[in-house]
Amino acid sequence: MKQICPLNCPELEKYLPGESGESPLSNSDEWLSVTDKNGRKGRRETNTMPQWAGSCWYYLRFIDPKNDEMIFDQAKENYWMPVDLYIGGAEHAVLHLLYSRFWHKVLFDLGIVSTDEPYRRLFNQGMILAFAYETESGAKVSGEYVEERDGKYYHKETNAELRQIVAKMSKSLKNVVNPDDVVSKYGADSLRLYEMFMGPLDVTKPWDDKGVKGVFGFLGRAFRFLSNPENIVTGEEDPEILKGLHQTIKKVEGDIENLRFNTAISAMMIFLNLATKKGKVTSQTGTTFISVLSPFAPHMAEELWRLSGKVDSLAYEPWPEFNEEFLKEDNFNYPVSFNGKMRFNIELPVDMPKEEIIRIVLADERAQKWLGNNPPSNIIVVPNRIVNIVVKN
């Protein structure tokens, strides 16, 4: 079999891109131009390794970024790999994700990495939509040149009427919302919180400035309430507040684990409404709620943490634990069925004995209506589940 020798690259004094933007190899005219044995002239390829070659294994270099002797320390790779969670847009499935898996599998076959897959779990986030504007010919117009008059949209300079469309937020459509503008007006925490509150992480969502104002208002209410010493008291916490707090901790913890950030924020809003309605919380409740809020609004939470008298940064605090004792329901809403058909509900204590449940249910006027003159032939009670009364007609 004919042996093929590798092509050696030329020695270069400067490793700078060529005039046309090609790789440094394009600067070596002698190496670029070749003539085969038949006298045919040709030009060698200069793009020997595209940028994907670097971006496809960055997660491995992150493990040991300052190592100047090897790709990474093997012990560190064994500890950190594989990546627990990869979050990226669906459009990356045939770009970065595909290529990084290819490179990783090559490295695995070479014995360089310890896992055959780079990522344990893949999650595709949804796109953000925004209003865009276009002329009659379809040319896109930046939002800064658009003004609304009587429900219609016009170009500020040409006065031409424009069409408003909803499309993916992108530079080409000139409908990108500049995050710096949002931060300067509402703060980084509001921008961060709104992006998580827009809806489920994996669905396409429209951008709405009113939504940013909404979460800005929530953060403002939280800051005013928790920073006011008159709202912070000593002593025992109100049982309803205590129950709501531990429900919030449990809900937010589970939602973070499952990437349901929007419902976690809803739970915090519900608790804040309860706390402001009651008017006062203990200092322990206040600092615990600040800890729960901190992953979503870290800047404001850190400031509240210091205002509450804490010295060390909130970043080093452990996540608060919820207590199941405070989550137990005092009552259960029993569905009461007659011959298998649910007729009404009745709320009773969760620890009520079966005999007492039967007595109270049968004495209820709604049960009397469905019983009529027929005494029950059997009553089935499943504690904290259901009451079924069997009646023979």
Protein backbone atom coordinates (compact mmCIF):
# COMPACT_ATOMS: atom_id res chain seq x y z
CA MET A 1 0.00 0.00 0.00
CA LYS A 2 1.28 3.47 -0.89
CA GLN A 3 2.41 5.43 2.14
CA ILE A 4 1.10 8.97 2.43
CA CYS A 5 3.44 11.41 4.14
CA PRO A 6 1.97 14.21 6.26
CA LEU A 7 2.16 17.73 4.92
CA ASN A 8 4.39 19.93 7.03
CA CYS A 9 3.34 23.52 7.57
CA PRO A 10 5.83 26.29 6.80
CA GLU A 11 7.80 28.23 9.38
CA LEU A 12 6.30 31.69 9.85
CA GLU A 13 7.75 34.78 11.49
CA LYS A 14 4.31 36.18 12.42
CA TYR A 15 1.19 34.20 13.18
CA LEU A 16 -1.30 36.84 12.07
CA PRO A 17 -4.33 36.46 9.79
CA GLY A 18 -3.81 37.15 6.10
CA GLU A 19 -5.04 40.26 4.33
CA SER A 20 -8.29 38.54 3.34
CA GLY A 21 -8.94 37.27 6.85
CA GLU A 22 -7.68 33.76 6.16
CA SER A 23 -5.49 31.82 8.54
CA PRO A 24 -1.77 32.71 8.99
CA LEU A 25 -0.89 30.04 6.38
CA SER A 26 -2.16 32.39 3.68
CA ASN A 27 0.90 34.60 4.30
CA SER A 28 3.27 31.94 2.97
CA ASP A 29 3.11 32.39 -0.81
CA GLU A 30 5.71 29.72 -1.51
CA TRP A 31 3.85 27.11 0.53
CA LEU A 32 0.44 28.10 -0.85
CA SER A 33 1.30 27.59 -4.51
CA VAL A 34 1.92 24.01 -5.61
CA THR A 35 2.55 22.24 -8.92
CA ASP A 36 1.90 18.53 -9.30
CA LYS A 37 3.94 16.09 -11.37
CA ASN A 38 1.79 16.82 -14.40
CA GLY A 39 2.46 20.50 -14.22
CA ARG A 40 -0.96 21.47 -12.91
CA LYS A 41 -0.96 24.42 -10.57
CA GLY A 42 -3.00 24.57 -7.39
CA ARG A 43 -3.47 26.38 -4.10
CA ARG A 44 -3.34 24.64 -0.74
CA GLU A 45 -6.17 24.89 1.79
CA THR A 46 -5.41 27.32 4.61
CA ASN A 47 -8.36 26.55 6.87
CA THR A 48 -6.75 23.57 8.62
CA MET A 49 -8.74 23.77 11.85
CA PRO A 50 -11.91 25.89 12.16
CA GLN A 51 -12.95 27.72 15.31
CA TRP A 52 -15.16 24.78 16.30
CA ALA A 53 -11.99 22.93 17.25
CA GLY A 54 -11.53 25.31 20.16
CA SER A 55 -15.11 25.95 21.22
CA CYS A 56 -16.10 22.28 21.23
CA TRP A 57 -13.96 21.24 24.17
CA TYR A 58 -13.96 24.40 26.30
CA TYR A 59 -15.88 22.61 29.08
CA LEU A 60 -12.84 20.33 29.50
CA ARG A 61 -10.40 23.22 29.69
CA PHE A 62 -12.58 24.91 32.33
CA ILE A 63 -11.65 22.01 34.63
CA ASP A 64 -7.99 23.07 34.74
CA PRO A 65 -7.65 26.40 32.86
CA LYS A 66 -4.18 27.41 34.12
CA ASN A 67 -2.43 24.13 33.37
CA ASP A 68 0.37 24.94 30.89
CA GLU A 69 1.75 21.40 30.72
CA MET A 70 -1.24 19.32 29.64
CA ILE A 71 -4.84 19.56 28.49
CA PHE A 72 -5.97 19.06 32.13
CA ASP A 73 -5.04 17.16 35.24
CA GLN A 74 -6.53 13.67 35.02
CA ALA A 75 -7.64 13.63 38.65
CA LYS A 76 -9.60 16.84 38.12
CA GLU A 77 -11.23 15.47 34.98
CA ASN A 78 -12.26 12.31 36.83
CA TYR A 79 -13.83 14.45 39.56
CA TRP A 80 -15.74 16.95 37.41
CA MET A 81 -16.85 15.01 34.35
CA PRO A 82 -19.38 14.51 32.93
CA VAL A 83 -21.12 17.89 32.89
CA ASP A 84 -24.35 17.63 34.93
CA LEU A 85 -26.51 19.91 32.81
CA TYR A 86 -26.18 21.42 29.33
CA ILE A 87 -28.60 24.27 28.61
CA GLY A 88 -28.70 25.60 25.08
CA GLY A 89 -31.03 26.57 22.29
CA ALA A 90 -32.45 23.86 20.05
CA GLU A 91 -30.57 25.40 17.12
CA HIS A 92 -27.33 24.22 18.75
CA ALA A 93 -28.36 20.57 18.47
CA VAL A 94 -26.68 20.30 15.05
CA LEU A 95 -23.90 22.75 15.80
CA HIS A 96 -22.08 23.00 19.10
CA LEU A 97 -23.77 20.03 20.77
CA LEU A 98 -23.14 17.66 17.88
CA TYR A 99 -19.54 18.76 17.39
CA SER A 100 -18.64 18.74 21.07
CA ARG A 101 -19.95 15.18 21.38
CA PHE A 102 -17.87 14.19 18.34
CA TRP A 103 -14.69 15.68 19.79
CA HIS A 104 -15.41 14.20 23.20
CA LYS A 105 -15.85 10.72 21.79
CA VAL A 106 -12.57 11.05 19.89
CA LEU A 107 -10.85 12.02 23.12
CA PHE A 108 -12.53 9.09 24.87
CA ASP A 109 -11.31 6.64 22.23
CA LEU A 110 -7.82 8.05 22.73
CA GLY A 111 -8.11 7.47 26.48
CA ILE A 112 -7.83 11.17 27.32
CA VAL A 113 -11.24 11.59 28.98
CA SER A 114 -12.93 9.19 31.36
CA THR A 115 -16.54 9.37 30.09
CA ASP A 116 -17.96 8.46 26.69
CA GLU A 117 -20.55 11.26 26.86
CA PRO A 118 -19.75 14.88 27.79
CA TYR A 119 -23.16 15.79 29.29
CA ARG A 120 -25.55 13.99 31.62
CA ARG A 121 -28.64 16.02 30.74
CA LEU A 122 -29.66 18.32 27.89
CA PHE A 123 -32.24 21.09 28.24
CA ASN A 124 -33.29 23.35 25.35
CA GLN A 125 -34.51 26.76 26.42
CA GLY A 126 -37.15 28.55 24.38
CA MET A 127 -36.63 31.63 22.27
CA ILE A 128 -37.66 35.16 23.24
CA LEU A 129 -39.90 36.97 20.81
CA ALA A 130 -40.25 40.72 20.34
CA PHE A 131 -42.10 43.16 18.15
CA ALA A 132 -40.34 44.02 14.89
CA TYR A 133 -41.28 46.57 12.25
CA GLU A 134 -40.99 46.44 8.49
CA THR A 135 -41.76 48.61 5.50
CA GLU A 136 -44.12 47.68 2.70
CA SER A 137 -41.18 46.14 0.84
CA GLY A 138 -40.20 44.03 3.87
CA ALA A 139 -37.18 46.09 4.96
CA LYS A 140 -36.72 45.95 8.73
CA VAL A 141 -36.75 49.16 10.76
CA SER A 142 -35.13 49.58 14.16
CA GLY A 143 -37.54 50.31 17.00
CA GLU A 144 -35.86 53.64 17.76
CA TYR A 145 -37.21 54.99 14.44
CA VAL A 146 -40.78 53.81 15.10
CA GLU A 147 -43.58 55.85 16.63
CA GLU A 148 -47.18 54.84 17.31
CA ARG A 149 -50.07 57.07 16.29
CA ASP A 150 -53.72 56.02 16.72
CA GLY A 151 -52.84 52.34 16.89
CA LYS A 152 -50.67 52.43 13.76
CA TYR A 153 -46.91 52.57 13.40
CA TYR A 154 -44.87 55.05 11.36
CA HIS A 155 -41.25 55.73 10.50
CA LYS A 156 -40.16 58.85 12.39
CA GLU A 157 -38.07 60.19 9.49
CA THR A 158 -39.96 59.12 6.38
CA ASN A 159 -43.45 59.05 7.93
CA ALA A 160 -44.09 55.82 6.02
CA GLU A 161 -46.56 53.44 7.67
CA LEU A 162 -44.95 50.26 9.01
CA ARG A 163 -46.18 46.77 9.75
CA GLN A 164 -45.73 45.43 13.28
CA ILE A 165 -44.78 41.74 13.43
CA VAL A 166 -43.81 39.35 16.22
CA ALA A 167 -40.58 37.47 15.56
CA LYS A 168 -37.50 35.97 17.16
CA MET A 169 -35.40 38.60 18.88
CA SER A 170 -32.38 39.01 16.62
CA LYS A 171 -30.01 41.64 15.25
CA SER A 172 -31.11 40.99 11.68
CA LEU A 173 -34.71 41.90 12.54
CA LYS A 174 -33.54 44.97 14.47
CA ASN A 175 -35.81 44.08 17.40
CA VAL A 176 -33.22 43.26 20.06
CA VAL A 177 -33.93 44.70 23.50
CA ASN A 178 -30.68 46.16 24.84
CA PRO A 179 -30.19 44.69 28.33
CA ASP A 180 -28.12 47.72 29.34
CA ASP A 181 -31.19 49.92 28.82
CA VAL A 182 -33.34 47.62 30.99
CA VAL A 183 -30.67 47.48 33.71
CA SER A 184 -30.23 51.25 33.78
CA LYS A 185 -33.98 51.74 34.22
CA TYR A 186 -35.02 48.80 36.44
CA GLY A 187 -31.79 47.22 37.72
CA ALA A 188 -30.06 43.94 36.96
CA ASP A 189 -32.19 41.99 39.44
CA SER A 190 -35.41 43.02 37.68
CA LEU A 191 -34.04 41.94 34.29
CA ARG A 192 -32.84 38.64 35.75
CA LEU A 193 -36.12 38.01 37.55
CA TYR A 194 -38.31 38.88 34.56
CA GLU A 195 -36.46 36.53 32.23
CA MET A 196 -37.15 33.70 34.67
CA PHE A 197 -40.75 34.78 35.29
CA MET A 198 -41.78 35.06 31.62
CA GLY A 199 -42.91 31.43 31.50
CA PRO A 200 -41.59 27.87 31.40
CA LEU A 201 -37.92 27.83 30.45
CA ASP A 202 -38.42 25.55 27.44
CA VAL A 203 -41.18 27.49 25.65
CA THR A 204 -41.06 30.45 23.27
CA LYS A 205 -42.09 33.65 25.05
CA PRO A 206 -42.82 37.25 23.99
CA TRP A 207 -40.93 40.11 25.58
CA ASP A 208 -43.17 42.64 27.33
CA ASP A 209 -41.88 45.80 29.02
CA LYS A 210 -44.92 45.74 31.31
CA GLY A 211 -43.69 42.43 32.68
CA VAL A 212 -40.39 44.00 33.71
CA LYS A 213 -42.33 46.70 35.54
CA GLY A 214 -44.32 43.99 37.31
CA VAL A 215 -41.32 42.17 38.78
CA PHE A 216 -39.69 45.54 39.54
CA GLY A 217 -42.75 46.32 41.64
CA PHE A 218 -42.50 42.97 43.44
CA LEU A 219 -38.85 43.58 44.31
CA GLY A 220 -39.70 47.08 45.50
CA ARG A 221 -42.43 45.77 47.83
CA ALA A 222 -40.08 43.10 49.18
CA PHE A 223 -37.33 45.65 49.84
CA ARG A 224 -39.63 48.15 51.54
CA PHE A 225 -41.19 45.50 53.76
CA LEU A 226 -38.02 43.68 54.80
CA SER A 227 -35.90 46.81 55.28
CA ASN A 228 -38.43 48.51 57.55
CA PRO A 229 -37.54 47.80 61.20
CA GLU A 230 -41.18 48.35 62.19
CA ASN A 231 -42.15 45.20 60.25
CA ILE A 232 -39.57 43.00 61.98
CA VAL A 233 -40.50 41.75 65.45
CA THR A 234 -39.14 39.39 68.09
CA GLY A 235 -40.86 36.44 69.70
CA GLU A 236 -42.83 33.55 68.21
CA GLU A 237 -43.85 33.64 64.57
CA ASP A 238 -47.49 33.67 63.48
CA PRO A 239 -48.44 30.02 62.65
CA GLU A 240 -49.86 31.01 59.25
CA ILE A 241 -46.67 32.89 58.36
CA LEU A 242 -44.54 29.97 59.52
CA LYS A 243 -46.55 27.52 57.42
CA GLY A 244 -46.37 29.80 54.37
CA LEU A 245 -42.63 30.26 54.76
CA HIS A 246 -41.86 26.54 54.84
CA GLN A 247 -44.25 25.90 51.94
CA THR A 248 -42.31 28.55 49.99
CA ILE A 249 -38.92 27.03 50.83
CA LYS A 250 -40.07 23.59 49.69
CA LYS A 251 -41.74 24.90 46.53
CA VAL A 252 -38.80 27.09 45.46
CA GLU A 253 -36.26 24.34 46.17
CA GLY A 254 -38.16 21.81 44.04
CA ASP A 255 -38.76 24.31 41.25
CA ILE A 256 -35.08 25.26 41.07
CA GLU A 257 -34.10 21.59 40.79
CA ASN A 258 -36.61 21.13 37.96
CA LEU A 259 -35.88 24.47 36.21
CA ARG A 260 -39.38 25.80 36.91
CA PHE A 261 -38.21 29.28 37.83
CA ASN A 262 -41.46 31.04 36.95
CA THR A 263 -43.53 29.07 39.46
CA ALA A 264 -40.82 29.49 42.12
CA ILE A 265 -41.14 33.27 41.73
CA SER A 266 -44.94 32.98 41.95
CA ALA A 267 -44.55 31.15 45.28
CA MET A 268 -42.36 33.96 46.63
CA MET A 269 -44.91 36.55 45.50
CA ILE A 270 -47.66 34.65 47.33
CA PHE A 271 -45.62 34.58 50.53
CA LEU A 272 -44.81 38.30 50.32
CA ASN A 273 -48.53 39.05 49.93
CA LEU A 274 -49.23 37.00 53.05
CA ALA A 275 -46.45 38.70 55.02
CA THR A 276 -47.52 42.23 54.05
CA LYS A 277 -51.13 41.37 54.86
CA LYS A 278 -50.10 40.24 58.34
CA GLY A 279 -47.90 43.33 58.64
CA LYS A 280 -45.07 41.81 60.65
CA VAL A 281 -42.65 38.87 60.61
CA THR A 282 -39.87 37.78 62.93
CA SER A 283 -36.25 38.53 62.05
CA GLN A 284 -35.68 34.79 61.48
CA THR A 285 -38.50 34.64 58.95
CA GLY A 286 -37.20 37.78 57.24
CA THR A 287 -33.65 36.52 56.80
CA THR A 288 -34.88 33.09 55.70
CA PHE A 289 -37.03 34.64 52.98
CA ILE A 290 -34.09 36.79 51.88
CA SER A 291 -32.06 33.58 51.47
CA VAL A 292 -34.80 32.06 49.31
CA LEU A 293 -34.95 35.21 47.18
CA SER A 294 -31.18 35.49 46.73
CA PRO A 295 -30.70 33.11 43.74
CA PHE A 296 -33.24 35.18 41.81
CA ALA A 297 -32.34 38.71 42.95
CA PRO A 298 -28.80 38.40 44.36
CA HIS A 299 -27.92 42.11 44.48
CA MET A 300 -31.00 43.21 46.40
CA ALA A 301 -30.89 40.14 48.65
CA GLU A 302 -27.29 40.89 49.59
CA GLU A 303 -28.22 44.44 50.54
CA LEU A 304 -31.20 43.27 52.62
CA TRP A 305 -28.95 40.71 54.28
CA ARG A 306 -26.56 43.44 55.42
CA LEU A 307 -29.44 45.70 56.53
CA SER A 308 -30.73 42.84 58.69
CA GLY A 309 -27.48 42.99 60.65
CA LYS A 310 -25.52 40.18 59.02
CA VAL A 311 -21.79 40.67 58.51
CA ASP A 312 -20.73 37.78 56.26
CA SER A 313 -21.92 37.61 52.66
CA LEU A 314 -25.15 35.82 51.92
CA ALA A 315 -23.27 33.93 49.20
CA TYR A 316 -21.75 31.68 51.88
CA GLU A 317 -25.04 30.87 53.63
CA PRO A 318 -26.51 27.36 53.21
CA TRP A 319 -29.89 26.97 51.61
CA PRO A 320 -32.64 27.03 54.30
CA GLU A 321 -34.29 23.71 55.14
CA PHE A 322 -38.05 23.34 55.29
CA ASN A 323 -39.66 21.58 58.26
CA GLU A 324 -42.33 19.01 57.39
CA GLU A 325 -44.01 19.68 60.75
CA PHE A 326 -45.09 23.08 59.50
CA LEU A 327 -46.37 21.64 56.22
CA LYS A 328 -48.95 19.31 57.69
CA GLU A 329 -52.50 20.24 56.85
CA ASP A 330 -54.85 20.73 59.80
CA ASN A 331 -57.93 19.87 57.75
CA PHE A 332 -58.76 17.74 54.73
CA ASN A 333 -61.47 18.49 52.21
CA TYR A 334 -63.24 15.10 51.90
CA PRO A 335 -65.15 14.35 48.69
CA VAL A 336 -68.36 12.60 49.75
CA SER A 337 -69.76 10.11 47.21
CA PHE A 338 -73.07 8.24 47.04
CA ASN A 339 -72.89 4.93 45.20
CA GLY A 340 -69.60 6.03 43.66
CA LYS A 341 -70.76 9.46 42.46
CA MET A 342 -69.27 12.51 44.16
CA ARG A 343 -71.99 14.79 45.51
CA PHE A 344 -70.32 17.31 47.81
CA ASN A 345 -67.21 18.14 49.85
CA ILE A 346 -66.80 18.54 53.58
CA GLU A 347 -63.74 19.85 55.43
CA LEU A 348 -62.75 17.87 58.53
CA PRO A 349 -59.65 17.60 60.77
CA VAL A 350 -56.99 15.27 59.33
CA ASP A 351 -56.74 13.22 62.53
CA MET A 352 -60.48 12.75 63.07
CA PRO A 353 -61.50 9.11 63.85
CA LYS A 354 -63.60 7.25 61.26
CA GLU A 355 -66.60 6.98 63.56
CA GLU A 356 -66.68 10.75 64.06
CA ILE A 357 -66.31 11.35 60.30
CA ILE A 358 -69.30 9.09 59.61
CA ARG A 359 -71.41 10.81 62.29
CA ILE A 360 -70.69 14.33 60.98
CA VAL A 361 -71.18 13.37 57.31
CA LEU A 362 -74.52 11.65 57.93
CA ALA A 363 -75.73 14.62 59.97
CA ASP A 364 -74.97 17.04 57.13
CA GLU A 365 -78.15 18.28 55.40
CA ARG A 366 -76.63 17.60 51.99
CA ALA A 367 -76.19 13.93 52.93
CA GLN A 368 -79.79 13.82 54.16
CA LYS A 369 -80.91 15.02 50.75
CA TRP A 370 -79.17 12.15 48.94
CA LEU A 371 -80.12 9.53 51.53
CA GLY A 372 -83.82 10.34 51.59
CA ASN A 373 -85.62 7.65 53.50
CA ASN A 374 -83.06 4.99 52.63
CA PRO A 375 -80.52 4.21 55.36
CA PRO A 376 -76.98 3.52 54.13
CA SER A 377 -76.10 -0.12 53.65
CA ASN A 378 -72.35 0.55 53.85
CA ILE A 379 -70.04 3.50 54.51
CA ILE A 380 -66.44 3.40 53.31
CA VAL A 381 -64.02 5.92 54.83
CA VAL A 382 -60.44 6.21 53.59
CA PRO A 383 -58.75 8.68 55.98
CA ASN A 384 -57.73 11.89 54.22
CA ARG A 385 -58.92 10.48 50.87
CA ILE A 386 -62.66 9.90 50.45
CA VAL A 387 -66.01 9.02 52.00
CA ASN A 388 -68.28 6.74 49.95
CA ILE A 389 -71.83 5.96 51.10
CA VAL A 390 -73.62 2.99 49.60
CA VAL A 391 -77.41 3.29 49.48
CA LYS A 392 -79.84 0.63 48.27
CA ASN A 393 -82.79 2.08 46.39
